[in-house]
Amino acid sequence: MIENVPFVPSGPLARSPQAVHQRLAAFHLGGEVMSADFPTVAFNVPADADFAGMKALLNQGQDEGGWHYEVGCGTDEWWNA
């Protein structure tokens, strides 16, 4: 599964992809930063990840104004978590 997290430049994480990675570090995700001009981090999510915990954290960060997120390719396990 691939998760894209475009963070909000004026939000609490500013334009820091390191801050986004740090917030999601507990899930041991691989990922990459798109570019300085397009503040988005793309994560590769392993099949055995804690989807419910990840979704809760992603929703919390979105509610706090730190980022938006979208699922590029989700499994049934992700959607049902």
Protein backbone atom coordinates (compact mmCIF):
# COMPACT_ATOMS: atom_id res chain seq x y z
CA MET A 1 0.00 0.00 0.00
CA ILE A 2 1.20 3.52 -0.73
CA GLU A 3 0.22 6.51 1.37
CA ASN A 4 0.78 10.11 0.26
CA VAL A 5 0.96 12.75 2.97
CA PRO A 6 1.05 16.32 1.65
CA PHE A 7 1.73 18.43 4.70
CA VAL A 8 0.39 21.92 5.26
CA PRO A 9 3.19 24.53 4.98
CA SER A 10 1.46 26.84 7.47
CA GLY A 11 0.59 23.96 9.83
CA PRO A 12 2.36 22.80 12.99
CA LEU A 13 4.91 20.71 11.05
CA ALA A 14 5.72 23.60 8.67
CA ARG A 15 7.57 22.26 5.60
CA SER A 16 9.43 19.54 7.46
CA PRO A 17 9.32 16.06 5.94
CA GLN A 18 11.48 14.92 8.86
CA ALA A 19 8.70 15.93 11.25
CA VAL A 20 6.18 13.89 9.25
CA HIS A 21 8.52 10.87 9.24
CA GLN A 22 9.06 11.27 12.98
CA ARG A 23 5.32 11.31 13.71
CA LEU A 24 4.90 8.05 11.75
CA ALA A 25 8.19 6.40 12.83
CA ALA A 26 6.48 3.93 15.16
CA PHE A 27 4.98 2.20 12.12
CA HIS A 28 8.40 1.49 10.52
CA LEU A 29 7.41 2.85 7.11
CA GLY A 30 9.71 3.36 4.16
CA GLY A 31 9.17 6.50 2.17
CA GLU A 32 10.45 9.43 0.22
CA VAL A 33 9.97 13.18 -0.05
CA MET A 34 8.63 14.35 -3.40
CA SER A 35 10.39 17.76 -3.59
CA ALA A 36 10.92 21.00 -1.68
CA ASP A 37 8.39 22.70 -3.94
CA PHE A 38 5.73 20.03 -3.42
CA PRO A 39 5.78 19.22 0.31
CA THR A 40 4.60 15.63 0.15
CA VAL A 41 5.93 12.47 1.74
CA ALA A 42 5.05 9.13 0.13
CA PHE A 43 5.17 6.06 2.38
CA ASN A 44 5.31 2.38 1.53
CA VAL A 45 3.20 0.59 4.09
CA PRO A 46 3.96 -3.08 4.82
CA ALA A 47 1.11 -5.60 4.64
CA ASP A 48 1.37 -6.37 8.36
CA ALA A 49 1.24 -2.74 9.54
CA ASP A 50 -1.03 -1.54 12.34
CA PHE A 51 -3.61 -0.04 9.97
CA ALA A 52 -6.05 1.05 12.68
CA GLY A 53 -3.30 2.85 14.60
CA MET A 54 -1.93 4.43 11.45
CA LYS A 55 -5.36 5.64 10.35
CA ALA A 56 -5.98 7.13 13.80
CA LEU A 57 -2.68 9.03 13.68
CA LEU A 58 -3.23 10.19 10.09
CA ASN A 59 -6.71 11.44 10.97
CA GLN A 60 -5.38 13.18 14.09
CA GLY A 61 -2.68 14.96 12.08
CA GLN A 62 -5.25 16.00 9.50
CA ASP A 63 -7.62 17.28 12.21
CA GLU A 64 -4.75 19.27 13.78
CA GLY A 65 -3.99 20.91 10.43
CA GLY A 66 -0.58 19.27 9.98
CA TRP A 67 -1.29 17.40 6.78
CA HIS A 68 -3.81 15.90 4.44
CA TYR A 69 -3.48 12.32 3.30
CA GLU A 70 -4.62 10.06 0.54
CA VAL A 71 -4.33 6.35 -0.06
CA GLY A 72 -2.80 5.58 -3.42
CA CYS A 73 -3.45 1.85 -3.29
CA GLY A 74 -5.23 0.35 -0.30
CA THR A 75 -5.95 -3.25 0.57
CA ASP A 76 -9.13 -4.63 2.09
CA GLU A 77 -7.26 -4.79 5.40
CA TRP A 78 -6.62 -1.05 5.23
CA TRP A 79 -10.17 -0.08 4.31
CA ASN A 80 -11.67 -2.38 6.96
CA ALA A 81 -9.34 -1.25 9.79
